[in-house]
Amino acid sequence: MAQIVSLAASPRQATGKGGARQARFRGRVPAVIYGHGRDTQSLEVEAKALEKALQGVEPESTIIELAVEGKTVKTLIREIQRHPLRPDIIHVDFYEIHAAEKVTLKIPVHLVGNPDGVRNAGGVLDQVTREVEIEVLPENIPDRVELDVTALKIGDSLHVRDLSIANARILTEAALTIATVVPPRAEEVAAPTPEAAVEVAEPELIRKVREGEEEEGEVAEGGAPAKPEAKSEKPEKAEKTEKPKGGKES
């Protein structure tokens, strides 16, 4: 059965964005109530009281007994708007309901049990659909519907047609998948970077040794460095170099 919580509200005199800002500045949440042919009425509720009323319940399937100007009406929350950067509620839509009239709402689907394919084959349970839409009398509204997934093996699935909700008509398409067990996901192996894939060895520097010149670092007998060969008295004729056409001497 749906949970029932009580909440007090008061008419909001200033409407529009300016009135909504004023209400929030005073620690109250702008709201509206509509349904059953009544004109949409602007309200405001205490922010702290609203947060407390919604703790631990499913807002969409919880009946809110809203006290307005000394009269209490049963309502459902049709929409909750929150601040884009903070969890603060900034607006609420209440929909008035009557005991003898069916209502359409969405309720959450909770999976119970540990699937066989998860326990024994390392599979992964994937919940595809998290809520379903139903038509029901207010007194029969469930706060949620449970689905047992214990028998699921890898590749098995459960669908909306496998749900059972007493005194309610399920409006969501019967063939829609609720949950399935998929094979274990293979671990992704990071591809090696081009630098790591091929290790390039630096080429060994080879120095040409002129004929008659000893290798650098070579030592003569007795440990003393070898003396370079005496140069001939007459210097060798310098090689003629060709200047590039049109160029200047460097």
C-alpha atoms as a PDB file:
ATOM      1  CA  MET A   1       0.000   0.000   0.000  1.00  0.00           C
ATOM      2  CA  ALA A   2       1.053   3.549  -0.657  1.00  0.00           C
ATOM      3  CA  GLN A   3       2.485   5.527   2.198  1.00  0.00           C
ATOM      4  CA  ILE A   4       0.582   8.589   3.419  1.00  0.00           C
ATOM      5  CA  VAL A   5       2.265  11.722   4.765  1.00  0.00           C
ATOM      6  CA  SER A   6       0.782  15.017   5.945  1.00  0.00           C
ATOM      7  CA  LEU A   7       1.935  18.446   4.869  1.00  0.00           C
ATOM      8  CA  ALA A   8       0.665  21.978   5.444  1.00  0.00           C
ATOM      9  CA  ALA A   9       0.470  24.556   2.665  1.00  0.00           C
ATOM     10  CA  SER A  10      -0.696  28.139   2.375  1.00  0.00           C
ATOM     11  CA  PRO A  11      -1.958  30.193  -0.586  1.00  0.00           C
ATOM     12  CA  ARG A  12       0.737  32.158  -2.420  1.00  0.00           C
ATOM     13  CA  GLN A  13      -0.364  35.698  -3.126  1.00  0.00           C
ATOM     14  CA  ALA A  14       2.526  36.808  -5.349  1.00  0.00           C
ATOM     15  CA  THR A  15       2.750  34.695  -8.483  1.00  0.00           C
ATOM     16  CA  GLY A  16       5.234  34.502 -11.308  1.00  0.00           C
ATOM     17  CA  LYS A  17       9.019  34.379 -11.049  1.00  0.00           C
ATOM     18  CA  GLY A  18       9.138  37.301  -8.628  1.00  0.00           C
ATOM     19  CA  GLY A  19       6.684  35.662  -6.225  1.00  0.00           C
ATOM     20  CA  ALA A  20       8.555  32.368  -6.437  1.00  0.00           C
ATOM     21  CA  ARG A  21      11.848  34.063  -5.569  1.00  0.00           C
ATOM     22  CA  GLN A  22      10.256  35.791  -2.610  1.00  0.00           C
ATOM     23  CA  ALA A  23       8.917  32.479  -1.308  1.00  0.00           C
ATOM     24  CA  ARG A  24      12.333  30.806  -1.580  1.00  0.00           C
ATOM     25  CA  PHE A  25      13.966  33.748   0.155  1.00  0.00           C
ATOM     26  CA  ARG A  26      11.627  33.112   3.119  1.00  0.00           C
ATOM     27  CA  GLY A  27      12.553  29.409   3.246  1.00  0.00           C
ATOM     28  CA  ARG A  28       9.444  28.209   1.467  1.00  0.00           C
ATOM     29  CA  VAL A  29       8.918  26.227  -1.748  1.00  0.00           C
ATOM     30  CA  PRO A  30       6.536  27.492  -4.456  1.00  0.00           C
ATOM     31  CA  ALA A  31       3.882  24.934  -5.444  1.00  0.00           C
ATOM     32  CA  VAL A  32       0.608  24.504  -7.317  1.00  0.00           C
ATOM     33  CA  ILE A  33      -2.375  22.216  -6.874  1.00  0.00           C
ATOM     34  CA  TYR A  34      -4.767  21.188  -9.654  1.00  0.00           C
ATOM     35  CA  GLY A  35      -7.111  18.382 -10.707  1.00  0.00           C
ATOM     36  CA  HIS A  36     -10.807  17.425 -10.689  1.00  0.00           C
ATOM     37  CA  GLY A  37     -11.853  20.544 -12.540  1.00  0.00           C
ATOM     38  CA  ARG A  38     -10.530  22.944  -9.938  1.00  0.00           C
ATOM     39  CA  ASP A  39      -8.622  25.994 -11.049  1.00  0.00           C
ATOM     40  CA  THR A  40      -4.882  25.754 -10.590  1.00  0.00           C
ATOM     41  CA  GLN A  41      -4.059  27.312  -7.240  1.00  0.00           C
ATOM     42  CA  SER A  42      -0.659  28.734  -6.305  1.00  0.00           C
ATOM     43  CA  LEU A  43       0.660  27.534  -2.948  1.00  0.00           C
ATOM     44  CA  GLU A  44       3.813  27.520  -0.892  1.00  0.00           C
ATOM     45  CA  VAL A  45       5.085  24.970   1.626  1.00  0.00           C
ATOM     46  CA  GLU A  46       7.858  25.101   4.192  1.00  0.00           C
ATOM     47  CA  ALA A  47      11.046  23.783   2.608  1.00  0.00           C
ATOM     48  CA  LYS A  48      12.253  21.863   5.675  1.00  0.00           C
ATOM     49  CA  ALA A  49       8.839  20.259   6.244  1.00  0.00           C
ATOM     50  CA  LEU A  50       8.683  19.152   2.594  1.00  0.00           C
ATOM     51  CA  GLU A  51      12.146  17.589   2.685  1.00  0.00           C
ATOM     52  CA  LYS A  52      11.260  15.756   5.907  1.00  0.00           C
ATOM     53  CA  ALA A  53       7.972  14.479   4.462  1.00  0.00           C
ATOM     54  CA  LEU A  54       9.739  13.007   1.427  1.00  0.00           C
ATOM     55  CA  GLN A  55      12.558  11.266   3.304  1.00  0.00           C
ATOM     56  CA  GLY A  56      12.520   7.496   2.798  1.00  0.00           C
ATOM     57  CA  VAL A  57       9.478   7.445   0.484  1.00  0.00           C
ATOM     58  CA  GLU A  58       8.857   7.207  -3.257  1.00  0.00           C
ATOM     59  CA  PRO A  59       7.462  10.679  -4.047  1.00  0.00           C
ATOM     60  CA  GLU A  60       5.462   9.663  -7.123  1.00  0.00           C
ATOM     61  CA  SER A  61       3.600   6.863  -5.336  1.00  0.00           C
ATOM     62  CA  THR A  62       3.162   8.552  -1.940  1.00  0.00           C
ATOM     63  CA  ILE A  63      -0.183  10.098  -1.019  1.00  0.00           C
ATOM     64  CA  ILE A  64       0.251  13.608   0.389  1.00  0.00           C
ATOM     65  CA  GLU A  65      -2.542  14.801   2.671  1.00  0.00           C
ATOM     66  CA  LEU A  66      -2.256  18.502   1.987  1.00  0.00           C
ATOM     67  CA  ALA A  67      -3.827  20.903   4.485  1.00  0.00           C
ATOM     68  CA  VAL A  68      -4.811  24.191   2.804  1.00  0.00           C
ATOM     69  CA  GLU A  69      -6.831  26.861   4.616  1.00  0.00           C
ATOM     70  CA  GLY A  70      -8.296  24.405   7.096  1.00  0.00           C
ATOM     71  CA  LYS A  71      -9.259  21.811   4.466  1.00  0.00           C
ATOM     72  CA  THR A  72      -7.322  18.589   3.863  1.00  0.00           C
ATOM     73  CA  VAL A  73      -7.190  17.020   0.420  1.00  0.00           C
ATOM     74  CA  LYS A  74      -5.417  13.909  -0.789  1.00  0.00           C
ATOM     75  CA  THR A  75      -2.868  14.566  -3.491  1.00  0.00           C
ATOM     76  CA  LEU A  76      -0.087  12.962  -5.505  1.00  0.00           C
ATOM     77  CA  ILE A  77       3.102  14.718  -6.470  1.00  0.00           C
ATOM     78  CA  ARG A  78       3.196  15.012 -10.251  1.00  0.00           C
ATOM     79  CA  GLU A  79       6.494  16.855 -10.551  1.00  0.00           C
ATOM     80  CA  ILE A  80       9.391  17.954  -8.383  1.00  0.00           C
ATOM     81  CA  GLN A  81      11.838  20.523  -9.703  1.00  0.00           C
ATOM     82  CA  ARG A  82      15.271  20.777  -8.106  1.00  0.00           C
ATOM     83  CA  HIS A  83      18.026  23.340  -8.355  1.00  0.00           C
ATOM     84  CA  PRO A  84      20.465  22.424 -11.177  1.00  0.00           C
ATOM     85  CA  LEU A  85      23.518  22.662  -8.886  1.00  0.00           C
ATOM     86  CA  ARG A  86      22.090  21.866  -5.438  1.00  0.00           C
ATOM     87  CA  PRO A  87      19.630  19.256  -4.137  1.00  0.00           C
ATOM     88  CA  ASP A  88      17.194  21.993  -3.071  1.00  0.00           C
ATOM     89  CA  ILE A  89      13.576  21.607  -4.210  1.00  0.00           C
ATOM     90  CA  ILE A  90      12.487  24.755  -6.056  1.00  0.00           C
ATOM     91  CA  HIS A  91       8.928  23.833  -7.153  1.00  0.00           C
ATOM     92  CA  VAL A  92       6.290  21.112  -6.624  1.00  0.00           C
ATOM     93  CA  ASP A  93       3.112  20.175  -8.525  1.00  0.00           C
ATOM     94  CA  PHE A  94       0.338  18.520  -6.471  1.00  0.00           C
ATOM     95  CA  TYR A  95      -2.543  16.652  -8.129  1.00  0.00           C
ATOM     96  CA  GLU A  96      -5.755  16.249  -6.135  1.00  0.00           C
ATOM     97  CA  ILE A  97      -7.211  12.734  -6.076  1.00  0.00           C
ATOM     98  CA  HIS A  98     -10.561  11.261  -4.957  1.00  0.00           C
ATOM     99  CA  ALA A  99     -10.998   7.888  -3.299  1.00  0.00           C
ATOM    100  CA  ALA A 100     -13.486   6.582  -5.883  1.00  0.00           C
ATOM    101  CA  GLU A 101     -11.515   7.623  -8.977  1.00  0.00           C
ATOM    102  CA  LYS A 102      -8.610   5.705 -10.449  1.00  0.00           C
ATOM    103  CA  VAL A 103      -5.335   7.499 -10.972  1.00  0.00           C
ATOM    104  CA  THR A 104      -2.470   6.932 -13.372  1.00  0.00           C
ATOM    105  CA  LEU A 105       1.035   7.020 -11.930  1.00  0.00           C
ATOM    106  CA  LYS A 106       4.458   5.447 -12.157  1.00  0.00           C
ATOM    107  CA  ILE A 107       5.878   3.162  -9.496  1.00  0.00           C
ATOM    108  CA  PRO A 108       9.469   1.917  -9.129  1.00  0.00           C
ATOM    109  CA  VAL A 109      10.517  -1.662  -9.878  1.00  0.00           C
ATOM    110  CA  HIS A 110      12.825  -3.215  -7.274  1.00  0.00           C
ATOM    111  CA  LEU A 111      14.803  -6.357  -8.105  1.00  0.00           C
ATOM    112  CA  VAL A 112      15.192  -8.977  -5.374  1.00  0.00           C
ATOM    113  CA  GLY A 113      17.512 -11.969  -5.191  1.00  0.00           C
ATOM    114  CA  ASN A 114      20.938 -12.828  -6.608  1.00  0.00           C
ATOM    115  CA  PRO A 115      20.706 -14.325 -10.132  1.00  0.00           C
ATOM    116  CA  ASP A 116      22.090 -17.798 -10.813  1.00  0.00           C
ATOM    117  CA  GLY A 117      24.119 -16.418 -13.724  1.00  0.00           C
ATOM    118  CA  VAL A 118      25.800 -13.950 -11.396  1.00  0.00           C
ATOM    119  CA  ARG A 119      26.520 -16.447  -8.598  1.00  0.00           C
ATOM    120  CA  ASN A 120      27.780 -19.325 -10.710  1.00  0.00           C
ATOM    121  CA  ALA A 121      28.968 -17.868 -14.015  1.00  0.00           C
ATOM    122  CA  GLY A 122      30.264 -14.413 -13.193  1.00  0.00           C
ATOM    123  CA  GLY A 123      27.531 -12.664 -15.179  1.00  0.00           C
ATOM    124  CA  VAL A 124      26.286  -9.119 -14.633  1.00  0.00           C
ATOM    125  CA  LEU A 125      22.708  -8.179 -13.732  1.00  0.00           C
ATOM    126  CA  ASP A 126      21.470  -5.277 -15.848  1.00  0.00           C
ATOM    127  CA  GLN A 127      18.223  -3.490 -14.934  1.00  0.00           C
ATOM    128  CA  VAL A 128      16.873  -1.948 -18.117  1.00  0.00           C
ATOM    129  CA  THR A 129      13.533  -0.560 -16.863  1.00  0.00           C
ATOM    130  CA  ARG A 130      13.261   1.009 -13.415  1.00  0.00           C
ATOM    131  CA  GLU A 131       9.595   2.040 -13.259  1.00  0.00           C
ATOM    132  CA  VAL A 132       6.254   1.117 -14.790  1.00  0.00           C
ATOM    133  CA  GLU A 133       3.025   3.042 -15.258  1.00  0.00           C
ATOM    134  CA  ILE A 134      -0.176   1.713 -13.691  1.00  0.00           C
ATOM    135  CA  GLU A 135      -3.845   2.639 -13.275  1.00  0.00           C
ATOM    136  CA  VAL A 136      -5.215   2.077  -9.778  1.00  0.00           C
ATOM    137  CA  LEU A 137      -7.577   3.358  -7.101  1.00  0.00           C
ATOM    138  CA  PRO A 138      -5.836   5.609  -4.534  1.00  0.00           C
ATOM    139  CA  GLU A 139      -6.395   3.112  -1.722  1.00  0.00           C
ATOM    140  CA  ASN A 140      -4.553   0.402  -3.693  1.00  0.00           C
ATOM    141  CA  ILE A 141      -1.516   2.393  -4.776  1.00  0.00           C
ATOM    142  CA  PRO A 142       1.622   0.327  -4.072  1.00  0.00           C
ATOM    143  CA  ASP A 143       4.784   2.138  -3.091  1.00  0.00           C
ATOM    144  CA  ARG A 144       6.752  -0.195  -5.428  1.00  0.00           C
ATOM    145  CA  VAL A 145       6.645  -3.537  -7.210  1.00  0.00           C
ATOM    146  CA  GLU A 146       9.218  -6.281  -6.606  1.00  0.00           C
ATOM    147  CA  LEU A 147      10.573  -8.723  -9.188  1.00  0.00           C
ATOM    148  CA  ASP A 148      12.482 -11.887  -8.218  1.00  0.00           C
ATOM    149  CA  VAL A 149      15.553 -12.427 -10.411  1.00  0.00           C
ATOM    150  CA  THR A 150      17.080 -15.386  -8.531  1.00  0.00           C
ATOM    151  CA  ALA A 151      16.527 -17.946 -11.321  1.00  0.00           C
ATOM    152  CA  LEU A 152      18.027 -15.890 -14.134  1.00  0.00           C
ATOM    153  CA  LYS A 153      20.963 -17.483 -15.984  1.00  0.00           C
ATOM    154  CA  ILE A 154      23.263 -15.745 -18.452  1.00  0.00           C
ATOM    155  CA  GLY A 155      21.155 -14.633 -21.405  1.00  0.00           C
ATOM    156  CA  ASP A 156      17.841 -14.811 -19.508  1.00  0.00           C
ATOM    157  CA  SER A 157      15.529 -11.809 -19.187  1.00  0.00           C
ATOM    158  CA  LEU A 158      12.386 -10.750 -17.351  1.00  0.00           C
ATOM    159  CA  HIS A 159       9.805  -8.428 -18.872  1.00  0.00           C
ATOM    160  CA  VAL A 160       6.887  -6.244 -17.839  1.00  0.00           C
ATOM    161  CA  ARG A 161       4.548  -9.197 -18.461  1.00  0.00           C
ATOM    162  CA  ASP A 162       6.305 -11.014 -15.600  1.00  0.00           C
ATOM    163  CA  LEU A 163       5.158  -8.371 -13.080  1.00  0.00           C
ATOM    164  CA  SER A 164       2.143  -8.898 -10.856  1.00  0.00           C
ATOM    165  CA  ILE A 165       0.462  -5.923  -9.160  1.00  0.00           C
ATOM    166  CA  ALA A 166      -2.693  -6.573  -7.151  1.00  0.00           C
ATOM    167  CA  ASN A 167      -5.755  -4.414  -7.904  1.00  0.00           C
ATOM    168  CA  ALA A 168      -3.915  -2.456 -10.598  1.00  0.00           C
ATOM    169  CA  ARG A 169      -3.695  -2.426 -14.380  1.00  0.00           C
ATOM    170  CA  ILE A 170      -0.222  -2.149 -15.865  1.00  0.00           C
ATOM    171  CA  LEU A 171      -0.113   0.339 -18.744  1.00  0.00           C
ATOM    172  CA  THR A 172       3.536  -0.099 -19.744  1.00  0.00           C
ATOM    173  CA  GLU A 173       4.137  -2.304 -22.800  1.00  0.00           C
ATOM    174  CA  ALA A 174       4.226  -5.973 -21.761  1.00  0.00           C
ATOM    175  CA  ALA A 175       7.225  -6.890 -23.946  1.00  0.00           C
ATOM    176  CA  LEU A 176       9.483  -4.249 -22.423  1.00  0.00           C
ATOM    177  CA  THR A 177      12.541  -5.806 -20.740  1.00  0.00           C
ATOM    178  CA  ILE A 178      12.903  -5.187 -17.005  1.00  0.00           C
ATOM    179  CA  ALA A 179      16.142  -7.032 -16.232  1.00  0.00           C
ATOM    180  CA  THR A 180      18.626  -9.332 -17.922  1.00  0.00           C
ATOM    181  CA  VAL A 181      21.848 -11.169 -17.031  1.00  0.00           C
ATOM    182  CA  VAL A 182      24.684 -10.557 -19.470  1.00  0.00           C
ATOM    183  CA  PRO A 183      28.035 -12.362 -19.809  1.00  0.00           C
ATOM    184  CA  PRO A 184      30.971 -11.054 -17.796  1.00  0.00           C
ATOM    185  CA  ARG A 185      32.568  -8.057 -19.391  1.00  0.00           C
ATOM    186  CA  ALA A 186      36.068  -8.711 -20.733  1.00  0.00           C
ATOM    187  CA  GLU A 187      38.738  -6.516 -19.227  1.00  0.00           C
ATOM    188  CA  GLU A 188      39.947  -3.936 -21.678  1.00  0.00           C
ATOM    189  CA  VAL A 189      43.672  -4.101 -22.373  1.00  0.00           C
ATOM    190  CA  ALA A 190      45.215  -0.746 -23.077  1.00  0.00           C
ATOM    191  CA  ALA A 191      46.860  -0.612 -26.507  1.00  0.00           C
ATOM    192  CA  PRO A 192      50.598   0.085 -26.304  1.00  0.00           C
ATOM    193  CA  THR A 193      51.699   3.526 -27.349  1.00  0.00           C
ATOM    194  CA  PRO A 194      53.793   3.795 -30.530  1.00  0.00           C
ATOM    195  CA  GLU A 195      56.783   4.774 -28.400  1.00  0.00           C
ATOM    196  CA  ALA A 196      56.402   1.701 -26.189  1.00  0.00           C
ATOM    197  CA  ALA A 197      55.578  -0.677 -29.032  1.00  0.00           C
ATOM    198  CA  VAL A 198      58.915  -0.310 -30.823  1.00  0.00           C
ATOM    199  CA  GLU A 199      62.078   0.348 -28.925  1.00  0.00           C
ATOM    200  CA  VAL A 200      64.503   2.018 -31.285  1.00  0.00           C
ATOM    201  CA  ALA A 201      68.173   1.594 -30.467  1.00  0.00           C
ATOM    202  CA  GLU A 202      70.360   4.585 -31.098  1.00  0.00           C
ATOM    203  CA  PRO A 203      72.935   3.892 -33.848  1.00  0.00           C
ATOM    204  CA  GLU A 204      76.506   3.535 -32.674  1.00  0.00           C
ATOM    205  CA  LEU A 205      78.638   6.471 -33.661  1.00  0.00           C
ATOM    206  CA  ILE A 206      81.445   5.350 -35.921  1.00  0.00           C
ATOM    207  CA  ARG A 207      84.386   7.686 -36.360  1.00  0.00           C
ATOM    208  CA  LYS A 208      86.675   7.325 -39.335  1.00  0.00           C
ATOM    209  CA  VAL A 209      90.303   7.194 -38.424  1.00  0.00           C
ATOM    210  CA  ARG A 210      92.769   8.660 -40.838  1.00  0.00           C
ATOM    211  CA  GLU A 211      95.469   6.396 -41.994  1.00  0.00           C
ATOM    212  CA  GLY A 212      98.333   6.544 -39.531  1.00  0.00           C
ATOM    213  CA  GLU A 213      96.239   8.158 -36.747  1.00  0.00           C
ATOM    214  CA  GLU A 214      95.817   6.134 -33.620  1.00  0.00           C
ATOM    215  CA  GLU A 215      92.421   5.523 -32.044  1.00  0.00           C
ATOM    216  CA  GLU A 216      91.470   8.095 -29.400  1.00  0.00           C
ATOM    217  CA  GLY A 217      92.211   6.787 -25.964  1.00  0.00           C
ATOM    218  CA  GLU A 218      94.879   4.325 -27.217  1.00  0.00           C
ATOM    219  CA  VAL A 219      97.949   4.377 -25.036  1.00  0.00           C
ATOM    220  CA  ALA A 220     101.558   3.510 -25.788  1.00  0.00           C
ATOM    221  CA  GLU A 221     103.584   0.943 -24.002  1.00  0.00           C
ATOM    222  CA  GLY A 222     104.247   1.813 -20.399  1.00  0.00           C
ATOM    223  CA  GLY A 223     100.877   3.513 -19.928  1.00  0.00           C
ATOM    224  CA  ALA A 224     101.816   6.901 -21.466  1.00  0.00           C
ATOM    225  CA  PRO A 225      99.587   8.264 -24.160  1.00  0.00           C
ATOM    226  CA  ALA A 226     100.832   7.664 -27.657  1.00  0.00           C
ATOM    227  CA  LYS A 227     102.380  10.714 -29.310  1.00  0.00           C
ATOM    228  CA  PRO A 228     100.884  11.826 -32.541  1.00  0.00           C
ATOM    229  CA  GLU A 229     102.951  11.286 -35.647  1.00  0.00           C
ATOM    230  CA  ALA A 230     105.111  14.313 -36.565  1.00  0.00           C
ATOM    231  CA  LYS A 231     103.681  16.342 -39.379  1.00  0.00           C
ATOM    232  CA  SER A 232     105.700  16.788 -42.517  1.00  0.00           C
ATOM    233  CA  GLU A 233     107.541  20.066 -42.901  1.00  0.00           C
ATOM    234  CA  LYS A 234     105.702  20.956 -46.067  1.00  0.00           C
ATOM    235  CA  PRO A 235     102.023  21.460 -45.477  1.00  0.00           C
ATOM    236  CA  GLU A 236      99.733  19.541 -47.695  1.00  0.00           C
ATOM    237  CA  LYS A 237      98.099  21.510 -50.440  1.00  0.00           C
ATOM    238  CA  ALA A 238      94.612  22.492 -49.409  1.00  0.00           C
ATOM    239  CA  GLU A 239      91.828  20.987 -51.384  1.00  0.00           C
ATOM    240  CA  LYS A 240      90.085  23.326 -53.726  1.00  0.00           C
ATOM    241  CA  THR A 241      86.516  24.026 -52.716  1.00  0.00           C
ATOM    242  CA  GLU A 242      83.814  25.020 -55.128  1.00  0.00           C
ATOM    243  CA  LYS A 243      81.854  28.116 -54.333  1.00  0.00           C
ATOM    244  CA  PRO A 244      78.159  28.020 -55.032  1.00  0.00           C
ATOM    245  CA  LYS A 245      77.197  30.247 -57.904  1.00  0.00           C
ATOM    246  CA  GLY A 246      75.968  33.607 -56.803  1.00  0.00           C
ATOM    247  CA  GLY A 247      76.990  32.919 -53.233  1.00  0.00           C
ATOM    248  CA  LYS A 248      79.257  34.920 -50.977  1.00  0.00           C
ATOM    249  CA  GLU A 249      82.271  33.791 -49.089  1.00  0.00           C
ATOM    250  CA  SER A 250      81.482  32.837 -45.539  1.00  0.00           C
END
